[in-house]
């Protein structure tokens, strides 16, 4: 029988905050199964996901840092991004 974990158990397993689990599920980063209103996580799937993600996370973090540096150099602020999003959504 497969071991199934709750969000709290997965957070403990990954040594992260439980809110981090919910956020990453919402973003489609962590594989989850919805059972009614509750999320469940199959341990074997999480373990396979971790093997794949470990390298990808490092690449993503590097890309994010480079993007932030470029944005600062170009004078792009969070407020400018929010304003641009509002303008696009208003069209």
PDB file of N, CA and C in Angstrom:
ATOM      1  N   UNK A   1       0.839  -1.193   0.000  1.00  0.00           N
ATOM      2  CA  UNK A   1       0.000   0.000   0.000  1.00  0.00           C
ATOM      3  C   UNK A   1       0.879   1.250   0.000  1.00  0.00           C
ATOM      4  N   UNK A   2       0.497   2.227  -0.808  1.00  0.00           N
ATOM      5  CA  UNK A   2       1.274   3.454  -0.892  1.00  0.00           C
ATOM      6  C   UNK A   2       1.067   4.315   0.344  1.00  0.00           C
ATOM      7  N   UNK A   3       2.160   4.946   0.754  1.00  0.00           N
ATOM      8  CA  UNK A   3       2.051   5.889   1.864  1.00  0.00           C
ATOM      9  C   UNK A   3       1.530   7.215   1.324  1.00  0.00           C
ATOM     10  N   UNK A   4       0.507   7.741   1.971  1.00  0.00           N
ATOM     11  CA  UNK A   4      -0.101   9.007   1.586  1.00  0.00           C
ATOM     12  C   UNK A   4       0.079   9.980   2.738  1.00  0.00           C
ATOM     13  N   UNK A   5       0.442  11.219   2.403  1.00  0.00           N
ATOM     14  CA  UNK A   5       0.711  12.232   3.426  1.00  0.00           C
ATOM     15  C   UNK A   5      -0.252  13.401   3.301  1.00  0.00           C
ATOM     16  N   UNK A   6      -0.496  14.046   4.428  1.00  0.00           N
ATOM     17  CA  UNK A   6      -1.234  15.307   4.451  1.00  0.00           C
ATOM     18  C   UNK A   6      -0.248  16.431   4.135  1.00  0.00           C
ATOM     19  N   UNK A   7      -0.763  17.641   3.963  1.00  0.00           N
ATOM     20  CA  UNK A   7       0.109  18.791   3.714  1.00  0.00           C
ATOM     21  C   UNK A   7       1.059  19.013   4.892  1.00  0.00           C
ATOM     22  N   UNK A   8       0.555  18.834   6.105  1.00  0.00           N
ATOM     23  CA  UNK A   8       1.400  19.005   7.296  1.00  0.00           C
ATOM     24  C   UNK A   8       2.512  17.965   7.311  1.00  0.00           C
ATOM     25  N   UNK A   9       2.161  16.713   7.033  1.00  0.00           N
ATOM     26  CA  UNK A   9       3.166  15.653   7.017  1.00  0.00           C
ATOM     27  C   UNK A   9       4.205  15.895   5.923  1.00  0.00           C
ATOM     28  N   UNK A  10       3.746  16.363   4.761  1.00  0.00           N
ATOM     29  CA  UNK A  10       4.683  16.658   3.674  1.00  0.00           C
ATOM     30  C   UNK A  10       5.595  17.818   4.051  1.00  0.00           C
ATOM     31  N   UNK A  11       5.036  18.833   4.693  1.00  0.00           N
ATOM     32  CA  UNK A  11       5.850  19.966   5.138  1.00  0.00           C
ATOM     33  C   UNK A  11       6.936  19.491   6.104  1.00  0.00           C
ATOM     34  N   UNK A  12       6.571  18.620   7.019  1.00  0.00           N
ATOM     35  CA  UNK A  12       7.555  18.057   7.950  1.00  0.00           C
ATOM     36  C   UNK A  12       8.605  17.244   7.192  1.00  0.00           C
ATOM     37  N   UNK A  13       8.158  16.449   6.241  1.00  0.00           N
ATOM     38  CA  UNK A  13       9.049  15.599   5.452  1.00  0.00           C
ATOM     39  C   UNK A  13      10.058  16.440   4.662  1.00  0.00           C
ATOM     40  N   UNK A  14       9.575  17.552   4.084  1.00  0.00           N
ATOM     41  CA  UNK A  14      10.440  18.415   3.277  1.00  0.00           C
ATOM     42  C   UNK A  14      11.132  19.496   4.104  1.00  0.00           C
ATOM     43  N   UNK A  15      10.767  19.581   5.375  1.00  0.00           N
ATOM     44  CA  UNK A  15      11.324  20.573   6.298  1.00  0.00           C
ATOM     45  C   UNK A  15      11.077  22.000   5.801  1.00  0.00           C
ATOM     46  N   UNK A  16       9.810  22.248   5.447  1.00  0.00           N
ATOM     47  CA  UNK A  16       9.380  23.581   5.034  1.00  0.00           C
ATOM     48  C   UNK A  16       8.090  23.915   5.773  1.00  0.00           C
ATOM     49  N   UNK A  17       7.679  25.158   5.662  1.00  0.00           N
ATOM     50  CA  UNK A  17       6.436  25.607   6.265  1.00  0.00           C
ATOM     51  C   UNK A  17       5.247  25.017   5.500  1.00  0.00           C
ATOM     52  N   UNK A  18       4.191  24.699   6.206  1.00  0.00           N
ATOM     53  CA  UNK A  18       3.000  24.130   5.570  1.00  0.00           C
ATOM     54  C   UNK A  18       2.414  25.071   4.518  1.00  0.00           C
ATOM     55  N   UNK A  19       2.495  26.376   4.759  1.00  0.00           N
ATOM     56  CA  UNK A  19       1.991  27.342   3.774  1.00  0.00           C
ATOM     57  C   UNK A  19       2.775  27.263   2.467  1.00  0.00           C
ATOM     58  N   UNK A  20       4.055  26.929   2.554  1.00  0.00           N
ATOM     59  CA  UNK A  20       4.876  26.754   1.356  1.00  0.00           C
ATOM     60  C   UNK A  20       4.327  25.609   0.515  1.00  0.00           C
ATOM     61  N   UNK A  21       3.883  24.562   1.164  1.00  0.00           N
ATOM     62  CA  UNK A  21       3.299  23.424   0.449  1.00  0.00           C
ATOM     63  C   UNK A  21       2.061  23.874  -0.321  1.00  0.00           C
ATOM     64  N   UNK A  22       1.142  24.557   0.361  1.00  0.00           N
ATOM     65  CA  UNK A  22      -0.088  25.002  -0.296  1.00  0.00           C
ATOM     66  C   UNK A  22       0.212  25.948  -1.456  1.00  0.00           C
ATOM     67  N   UNK A  23       1.157  26.853  -1.253  1.00  0.00           N
ATOM     68  CA  UNK A  23       1.506  27.809  -2.307  1.00  0.00           C
ATOM     69  C   UNK A  23       2.058  27.088  -3.532  1.00  0.00           C
ATOM     70  N   UNK A  24       2.950  26.143  -3.313  1.00  0.00           N
ATOM     71  CA  UNK A  24       3.561  25.437  -4.444  1.00  0.00           C
ATOM     72  C   UNK A  24       2.578  24.495  -5.135  1.00  0.00           C
ATOM     73  N   UNK A  25       1.616  23.976  -4.394  1.00  0.00           N
ATOM     74  CA  UNK A  25       0.562  23.174  -5.027  1.00  0.00           C
ATOM     75  C   UNK A  25      -0.277  24.080  -5.917  1.00  0.00           C
ATOM     76  N   UNK A  26      -0.659  25.239  -5.397  1.00  0.00           N
ATOM     77  CA  UNK A  26      -1.472  26.190  -6.151  1.00  0.00           C
ATOM     78  C   UNK A  26      -0.766  26.619  -7.437  1.00  0.00           C
ATOM     79  N   UNK A  27       0.566  26.732  -7.388  1.00  0.00           N
ATOM     80  CA  UNK A  27       1.348  27.118  -8.562  1.00  0.00           C
ATOM     81  C   UNK A  27       1.622  25.936  -9.492  1.00  0.00           C
ATOM     82  N   UNK A  28       1.199  24.749  -9.086  1.00  0.00           N
ATOM     83  CA  UNK A  28       1.411  23.571  -9.911  1.00  0.00           C
ATOM     84  C   UNK A  28       2.811  22.999  -9.819  1.00  0.00           C
ATOM     85  N   UNK A  29       3.529  23.346  -8.762  1.00  0.00           N
ATOM     86  CA  UNK A  29       4.911  22.894  -8.606  1.00  0.00           C
ATOM     87  C   UNK A  29       4.979  21.533  -7.931  1.00  0.00           C
ATOM     88  N   UNK A  30       4.181  21.339  -6.894  1.00  0.00           N
ATOM     89  CA  UNK A  30       4.194  20.074  -6.150  1.00  0.00           C
ATOM     90  C   UNK A  30       2.997  19.227  -6.594  1.00  0.00           C
ATOM     91  N   UNK A  31       3.238  17.955  -6.963  1.00  0.00           N
ATOM     92  CA  UNK A  31       2.123  17.087  -7.363  1.00  0.00           C
ATOM     93  C   UNK A  31       1.257  16.706  -6.163  1.00  0.00           C
ATOM     94  N   UNK A  32      -0.047  16.864  -6.326  1.00  0.00           N
ATOM     95  CA  UNK A  32      -0.978  16.582  -5.232  1.00  0.00           C
ATOM     96  C   UNK A  32      -2.236  15.925  -5.782  1.00  0.00           C
ATOM     97  N   UNK A  33      -2.950  15.242  -4.896  1.00  0.00           N
ATOM     98  CA  UNK A  33      -4.237  14.643  -5.221  1.00  0.00           C
ATOM     99  C   UNK A  33      -5.267  15.296  -4.315  1.00  0.00           C
ATOM    100  N   UNK A  34      -6.361  15.755  -4.906  1.00  0.00           N
ATOM    101  CA  UNK A  34      -7.409  16.375  -4.101  1.00  0.00           C
ATOM    102  C   UNK A  34      -8.441  15.308  -3.753  1.00  0.00           C
ATOM    103  N   UNK A  35      -8.708  15.171  -2.453  1.00  0.00           N
ATOM    104  CA  UNK A  35      -9.712  14.223  -1.967  1.00  0.00           C
ATOM    105  C   UNK A  35     -10.754  15.039  -1.225  1.00  0.00           C
ATOM    106  N   UNK A  36     -11.839  15.331  -1.915  1.00  0.00           N
ATOM    107  CA  UNK A  36     -12.809  16.255  -1.339  1.00  0.00           C
ATOM    108  C   UNK A  36     -12.183  17.634  -1.301  1.00  0.00           C
ATOM    109  N   UNK A  37     -12.105  18.196  -0.113  1.00  0.00           N
ATOM    110  CA  UNK A  37     -11.471  19.506   0.038  1.00  0.00           C
ATOM    111  C   UNK A  37     -10.023  19.390   0.507  1.00  0.00           C
ATOM    112  N   UNK A  38      -9.587  18.179   0.788  1.00  0.00           N
ATOM    113  CA  UNK A  38      -8.245  17.973   1.342  1.00  0.00           C
ATOM    114  C   UNK A  38      -7.251  17.580   0.250  1.00  0.00           C
ATOM    115  N   UNK A  39      -6.019  17.998   0.442  1.00  0.00           N
ATOM    116  CA  UNK A  39      -4.934  17.602  -0.446  1.00  0.00           C
ATOM    117  C   UNK A  39      -4.197  16.425   0.165  1.00  0.00           C
ATOM    118  N   UNK A  40      -3.801  15.496  -0.677  1.00  0.00           N
ATOM    119  CA  UNK A  40      -2.994  14.367  -0.236  1.00  0.00           C
ATOM    120  C   UNK A  40      -1.824  14.210  -1.196  1.00  0.00           C
ATOM    121  N   UNK A  41      -0.743  13.649  -0.665  1.00  0.00           N
ATOM    122  CA  UNK A  41       0.498  13.531  -1.414  1.00  0.00           C
ATOM    123  C   UNK A  41       1.014  12.104  -1.299  1.00  0.00           C
ATOM    124  N   UNK A  42       1.214  11.438  -2.435  1.00  0.00           N
ATOM    125  CA  UNK A  42       1.753  10.081  -2.429  1.00  0.00           C
ATOM    126  C   UNK A  42       3.266  10.171  -2.280  1.00  0.00           C
ATOM    127  N   UNK A  43       3.778   9.497  -1.267  1.00  0.00           N
ATOM    128  CA  UNK A  43       5.197   9.605  -0.942  1.00  0.00           C
ATOM    129  C   UNK A  43       6.085   9.176  -2.101  1.00  0.00           C
ATOM    130  N   UNK A  44       5.741   8.088  -2.782  1.00  0.00           N
ATOM    131  CA  UNK A  44       6.599   7.640  -3.881  1.00  0.00           C
ATOM    132  C   UNK A  44       6.637   8.655  -5.022  1.00  0.00           C
ATOM    133  N   UNK A  45       5.523   9.325  -5.274  1.00  0.00           N
ATOM    134  CA  UNK A  45       5.491  10.359  -6.313  1.00  0.00           C
ATOM    135  C   UNK A  45       6.298  11.574  -5.868  1.00  0.00           C
ATOM    136  N   UNK A  46       6.173  11.943  -4.600  1.00  0.00           N
ATOM    137  CA  UNK A  46       6.953  13.068  -4.070  1.00  0.00           C
ATOM    138  C   UNK A  46       8.443  12.764  -4.163  1.00  0.00           C
ATOM    139  N   UNK A  47       8.835  11.541  -3.821  1.00  0.00           N
ATOM    140  CA  UNK A  47      10.252  11.174  -3.887  1.00  0.00           C
ATOM    141  C   UNK A  47      10.782  11.258  -5.320  1.00  0.00           C
ATOM    142  N   UNK A  48       9.995  10.790  -6.290  1.00  0.00           N
ATOM    143  CA  UNK A  48      10.401  10.896  -7.700  1.00  0.00           C
ATOM    144  C   UNK A  48      10.468  12.358  -8.127  1.00  0.00           C
ATOM    145  N   UNK A  49       9.479  13.146  -7.698  1.00  0.00           N
ATOM    146  CA  UNK A  49       9.446  14.571  -8.021  1.00  0.00           C
ATOM    147  C   UNK A  49      10.686  15.272  -7.464  1.00  0.00           C
ATOM    148  N   UNK A  50      11.081  14.913  -6.257  1.00  0.00           N
ATOM    149  CA  UNK A  50      12.265  15.519  -5.642  1.00  0.00           C
ATOM    150  C   UNK A  50      13.525  15.231  -6.448  1.00  0.00           C
ATOM    151  N   UNK A  51      13.636  14.023  -6.975  1.00  0.00           N
ATOM    152  CA  UNK A  51      14.799  13.677  -7.782  1.00  0.00           C
ATOM    153  C   UNK A  51      14.887  14.565  -9.019  1.00  0.00           C
ATOM    154  N   UNK A  52      13.758  14.791  -9.663  1.00  0.00           N
ATOM    155  CA  UNK A  52      13.716  15.624 -10.866  1.00  0.00           C
ATOM    156  C   UNK A  52      13.896  17.097 -10.514  1.00  0.00           C
ATOM    157  N   UNK A  53      13.205  17.547  -9.474  1.00  0.00           N
ATOM    158  CA  UNK A  53      13.183  18.963  -9.119  1.00  0.00           C
ATOM    159  C   UNK A  53      14.478  19.475  -8.522  1.00  0.00           C
ATOM    160  N   UNK A  54      15.255  18.619  -7.910  1.00  0.00           N
ATOM    161  CA  UNK A  54      16.453  19.106  -7.218  1.00  0.00           C
ATOM    162  C   UNK A  54      17.355  19.884  -8.162  1.00  0.00           C
ATOM    163  N   UNK A  55      17.568  19.402  -9.356  1.00  0.00           N
ATOM    164  CA  UNK A  55      18.387  20.127 -10.322  1.00  0.00           C
ATOM    165  C   UNK A  55      17.660  21.313 -10.910  1.00  0.00           C
ATOM    166  N   UNK A  56      16.359  21.133 -11.180  1.00  0.00           N
ATOM    167  CA  UNK A  56      15.576  22.196 -11.786  1.00  0.00           C
ATOM    168  C   UNK A  56      15.445  23.390 -10.851  1.00  0.00           C
ATOM    169  N   UNK A  57      15.252  23.148  -9.554  1.00  0.00           N
ATOM    170  CA  UNK A  57      15.124  24.242  -8.589  1.00  0.00           C
ATOM    171  C   UNK A  57      16.352  25.133  -8.591  1.00  0.00           C
ATOM    172  N   UNK A  58      17.516  24.529  -8.667  1.00  0.00           N
ATOM    173  CA  UNK A  58      18.749  25.318  -8.679  1.00  0.00           C
ATOM    174  C   UNK A  58      18.810  26.184  -9.932  1.00  0.00           C
ATOM    175  N   UNK A  59      18.442  25.614 -11.078  1.00  0.00           N
ATOM    176  CA  UNK A  59      18.434  26.384 -12.320  1.00  0.00           C
ATOM    177  C   UNK A  59      17.414  27.515 -12.249  1.00  0.00           C
ATOM    178  N   UNK A  60      16.242  27.224 -11.678  1.00  0.00           N
ATOM    179  CA  UNK A  60      15.201  28.239 -11.559  1.00  0.00           C
ATOM    180  C   UNK A  60      15.649  29.383 -10.655  1.00  0.00           C
ATOM    181  N   UNK A  61      16.255  29.051  -9.520  1.00  0.00           N
ATOM    182  CA  UNK A  61      16.734  30.079  -8.592  1.00  0.00           C
ATOM    183  C   UNK A  61      17.790  30.957  -9.261  1.00  0.00           C
ATOM    184  N   UNK A  62      18.677  30.352 -10.034  1.00  0.00           N
ATOM    185  CA  UNK A  62      19.697  31.116 -10.754  1.00  0.00           C
ATOM    186  C   UNK A  62      19.035  32.057 -11.754  1.00  0.00           C
ATOM    187  N   UNK A  63      18.062  31.554 -12.507  1.00  0.00           N
ATOM    188  CA  UNK A  63      17.346  32.383 -13.470  1.00  0.00           C
ATOM    189  C   UNK A  63      16.612  33.520 -12.774  1.00  0.00           C
ATOM    190  N   UNK A  64      15.972  33.229 -11.652  1.00  0.00           N
ATOM    191  CA  UNK A  64      15.252  34.257 -10.904  1.00  0.00           C
ATOM    192  C   UNK A  64      16.199  35.354 -10.430  1.00  0.00           C
ATOM    193  N   UNK A  65      17.346  34.961  -9.871  1.00  0.00           N
ATOM    194  CA  UNK A  65      18.324  35.962  -9.414  1.00  0.00           C
ATOM    195  C   UNK A  65      18.812  36.825 -10.573  1.00  0.00           C
ATOM    196  N   UNK A  66      19.104  36.199 -11.699  1.00  0.00           N
ATOM    197  CA  UNK A  66      19.577  36.957 -12.869  1.00  0.00           C
ATOM    198  C   UNK A  66      18.508  37.926 -13.354  1.00  0.00           C
ATOM    199  N   UNK A  67      17.250  37.478 -13.346  1.00  0.00           N
ATOM    200  CA  UNK A  67      16.143  38.334 -13.765  1.00  0.00           C
ATOM    201  C   UNK A  67      15.995  39.522 -12.820  1.00  0.00           C
ATOM    202  N   UNK A  68      16.132  39.281 -11.519  1.00  0.00           N
ATOM    203  CA  UNK A  68      16.031  40.365 -10.542  1.00  0.00           C
ATOM    204  C   UNK A  68      17.157  41.375 -10.733  1.00  0.00           C
ATOM    205  N   UNK A  69      18.363  40.890 -10.968  1.00  0.00           N
ATOM    206  CA  UNK A  69      19.504  41.790 -11.189  1.00  0.00           C
ATOM    207  C   UNK A  69      19.267  42.615 -12.446  1.00  0.00           C
ATOM    208  N   UNK A  70      18.848  41.973 -13.531  1.00  0.00           N
ATOM    209  CA  UNK A  70      18.575  42.683 -14.777  1.00  0.00           C
ATOM    210  C   UNK A  70      17.482  43.726 -14.569  1.00  0.00           C
ATOM    211  N   UNK A  71      16.415  43.351 -13.858  1.00  0.00           N
ATOM    212  CA  UNK A  71      15.321  44.282 -13.600  1.00  0.00           C
ATOM    213  C   UNK A  71      15.779  45.508 -12.833  1.00  0.00           C
ATOM    214  N   UNK A  72      16.616  45.309 -11.821  1.00  0.00           N
ATOM    215  CA  UNK A  72      17.139  46.442 -11.049  1.00  0.00           C
ATOM    216  C   UNK A  72      18.000  47.337 -11.922  1.00  0.00           C
ATOM    217  N   UNK A  73      18.839  46.726 -12.746  1.00  0.00           N
ATOM    218  CA  UNK A  73      19.710  47.506 -13.626  1.00  0.00           C
ATOM    219  C   UNK A  73      18.894  48.304 -14.640  1.00  0.00           C
ATOM    220  N   UNK A  74      17.767  47.753 -15.069  1.00  0.00           N
ATOM    221  CA  UNK A  74      16.919  48.417 -16.052  1.00  0.00           C
ATOM    222  C   UNK A  74      15.942  49.395 -15.409  1.00  0.00           C
ATOM    223  N   UNK A  75      15.952  49.475 -14.077  1.00  0.00           N
ATOM    224  CA  UNK A  75      15.061  50.395 -13.378  1.00  0.00           C
ATOM    225  C   UNK A  75      13.628  49.899 -13.272  1.00  0.00           C
ATOM    226  N   UNK A  76      13.439  48.603 -13.404  1.00  0.00           N
ATOM    227  CA  UNK A  76      12.096  48.028 -13.309  1.00  0.00           C
ATOM    228  C   UNK A  76      11.785  47.766 -11.835  1.00  0.00           C
ATOM    229  N   UNK A  77      10.691  48.350 -11.365  1.00  0.00           N
ATOM    230  CA  UNK A  77      10.288  48.168  -9.972  1.00  0.00           C
ATOM    231  C   UNK A  77       9.001  47.343  -9.912  1.00  0.00           C
ATOM    232  N   UNK A  78       8.695  46.859  -8.735  1.00  0.00           N
ATOM    233  CA  UNK A  78       7.462  46.095  -8.551  1.00  0.00           C
ATOM    234  C   UNK A  78       6.247  46.959  -8.884  1.00  0.00           C
ATOM    235  N   UNK A  79       6.316  48.230  -8.522  1.00  0.00           N
ATOM    236  CA  UNK A  79       5.205  49.141  -8.805  1.00  0.00           C
ATOM    237  C   UNK A  79       5.008  49.308 -10.314  1.00  0.00           C
ATOM    238  N   UNK A  80       6.108  49.394 -11.069  1.00  0.00           N
ATOM    239  CA  UNK A  80       6.000  49.522 -12.525  1.00  0.00           C
ATOM    240  C   UNK A  80       5.377  48.270 -13.138  1.00  0.00           C
ATOM    241  N   UNK A  81       5.736  47.128 -12.610  1.00  0.00           N
ATOM    242  CA  UNK A  81       5.169  45.878 -13.113  1.00  0.00           C
ATOM    243  C   UNK A  81       3.674  45.822 -12.808  1.00  0.00           C
ATOM    244  N   UNK A  82       3.290  46.187 -11.580  1.00  0.00           N
ATOM    245  CA  UNK A  82       1.875  46.182 -11.205  1.00  0.00           C
ATOM    246  C   UNK A  82       1.081  47.147 -12.080  1.00  0.00           C
ATOM    247  N   UNK A  83       1.646  48.307 -12.363  1.00  0.00           N
ATOM    248  CA  UNK A  83       0.970  49.286 -13.213  1.00  0.00           C
ATOM    249  C   UNK A  83       0.808  48.749 -14.631  1.00  0.00           C
ATOM    250  N   UNK A  84       1.844  48.118 -15.153  1.00  0.00           N
ATOM    251  CA  UNK A  84       1.767  47.549 -16.503  1.00  0.00           C
ATOM    252  C   UNK A  84       0.710  46.449 -16.571  1.00  0.00           C
ATOM    253  N   UNK A  85       0.629  45.624 -15.542  1.00  0.00           N
ATOM    254  CA  UNK A  85      -0.377  44.558 -15.501  1.00  0.00           C
ATOM    255  C   UNK A  85      -1.779  45.164 -15.484  1.00  0.00           C
ATOM    256  N   UNK A  86      -1.980  46.210 -14.681  1.00  0.00           N
ATOM    257  CA  UNK A  86      -3.291  46.877 -14.627  1.00  0.00           C
ATOM    258  C   UNK A  86      -3.675  47.428 -15.990  1.00  0.00           C
ATOM    259  N   UNK A  87      -2.708  48.043 -16.676  1.00  0.00           N
ATOM    260  CA  UNK A  87      -2.983  48.622 -17.995  1.00  0.00           C
ATOM    261  C   UNK A  87      -3.359  47.543 -19.003  1.00  0.00           C
ATOM    262  N   UNK A  88      -2.663  46.432 -18.978  1.00  0.00           N
ATOM    263  CA  UNK A  88      -2.962  45.345 -19.914  1.00  0.00           C
ATOM    264  C   UNK A  88      -4.326  44.744 -19.611  1.00  0.00           C
ATOM    265  N   UNK A  89      -4.632  44.554 -18.342  1.00  0.00           N
ATOM    266  CA  UNK A  89      -5.925  43.972 -17.969  1.00  0.00           C
ATOM    267  C   UNK A  89      -7.087  44.903 -18.296  1.00  0.00           C
ATOM    268  N   UNK A  90      -6.832  46.202 -18.308  1.00  0.00           N
ATOM    269  CA  UNK A  90      -7.885  47.177 -18.581  1.00  0.00           C
ATOM    270  C   UNK A  90      -8.260  47.203 -20.065  1.00  0.00           C
ATOM    271  N   UNK A  91      -7.414  46.657 -20.914  1.00  0.00           N
ATOM    272  CA  UNK A  91      -7.678  46.693 -22.368  1.00  0.00           C
ATOM    273  C   UNK A  91      -8.674  45.656 -22.790  1.00  0.00           C
TER     274      UNK A  91
END
